[in-house]
Amino acid sequence: MNQTEIINPHAMFFGKVFSREDVAQDFLQNYLSETIVNQLNLSTIHLENESFISNELIKVKGSSLLLAH
């Protein structure tokens, strides 16, 4: 059996899970302090297709995921 090596499983998991806007909203609602959540409009969160992280940093740290509102 030929298995594909997963280089960074945590980043892969994070990217898959948090690319769902409903999951990201739920996570932020439940794990940020009430003070911070009250300053956010979580219903406006959406996934950005563009990255604002340099290619050099991505090569070192892996891919990026950006949620914006």
Protein backbone atom coordinates (compact mmCIF):
# COMPACT_ATOMS: atom_id res chain seq x y z
CA MET A 1 0.00 0.00 0.00
CA ASN A 2 1.32 3.42 -0.98
CA GLN A 3 0.71 6.01 1.74
CA THR A 4 1.06 9.74 1.23
CA GLU A 5 3.11 11.39 3.96
CA ILE A 6 1.28 14.22 5.68
CA ILE A 7 3.87 16.88 6.45
CA ASN A 8 1.87 19.05 8.84
CA PRO A 9 -1.31 17.27 9.99
CA HIS A 10 -2.29 19.97 12.49
CA ALA A 11 -2.21 22.71 9.85
CA MET A 12 -4.14 20.49 7.45
CA PHE A 13 -6.80 19.80 10.10
CA PHE A 14 -7.04 23.48 11.10
CA GLY A 15 -7.33 24.57 7.48
CA LYS A 16 -10.10 22.10 6.69
CA VAL A 17 -12.10 22.78 9.83
CA PHE A 18 -11.81 26.56 9.92
CA SER A 19 -12.45 26.98 6.20
CA ARG A 20 -16.09 26.43 7.20
CA GLU A 21 -17.43 29.81 8.26
CA ASP A 22 -20.04 28.30 10.60
CA VAL A 23 -17.34 26.39 12.47
CA ALA A 24 -15.11 29.47 12.75
CA GLN A 25 -18.03 31.55 14.05
CA ASP A 26 -18.96 28.90 16.60
CA PHE A 27 -15.36 28.55 17.77
CA LEU A 28 -14.90 32.30 18.23
CA GLN A 29 -18.25 32.62 20.01
CA ASN A 30 -17.37 29.90 22.49
CA TYR A 31 -13.66 30.46 23.11
CA LEU A 32 -13.13 34.22 23.03
CA SER A 33 -14.00 36.30 26.04
CA GLU A 34 -17.44 37.88 26.12
CA THR A 35 -15.80 41.32 26.00
CA ILE A 36 -14.14 40.52 22.67
CA VAL A 37 -17.15 38.71 21.20
CA ASN A 38 -19.34 41.74 21.97
CA GLN A 39 -17.05 43.85 19.76
CA LEU A 40 -17.40 41.49 16.79
CA ASN A 41 -20.16 40.87 14.31
CA LEU A 42 -19.57 37.17 13.79
CA SER A 43 -22.30 36.94 11.14
CA THR A 44 -20.10 38.92 8.74
CA ILE A 45 -17.13 36.55 8.92
CA HIS A 46 -16.13 35.08 5.57
CA LEU A 47 -13.16 33.20 4.19
CA GLU A 48 -10.72 35.30 2.16
CA ASN A 49 -9.28 33.67 -0.94
CA GLU A 50 -6.28 35.97 -0.91
CA SER A 51 -3.36 35.63 1.47
CA PHE A 52 -1.60 38.59 3.03
CA ILE A 53 1.31 36.50 4.25
CA SER A 54 4.55 36.57 2.27
CA ASN A 55 5.52 33.52 0.22
CA GLU A 56 8.71 33.24 2.25
CA LEU A 57 6.79 32.90 5.51
CA ILE A 58 4.36 30.41 3.98
CA LYS A 59 7.33 28.26 2.90
CA VAL A 60 8.60 28.24 6.49
CA LYS A 61 5.32 28.01 8.41
CA GLY A 62 2.94 26.41 5.90
CA SER A 63 -0.22 27.67 4.28
CA SER A 64 -2.37 30.44 5.67
CA LEU A 65 -6.08 30.78 6.33
CA LEU A 66 -7.64 34.21 6.68
CA LEU A 67 -11.10 34.91 8.01
CA ALA A 68 -12.32 38.48 7.69
CA HIS A 69 -15.41 40.51 8.39
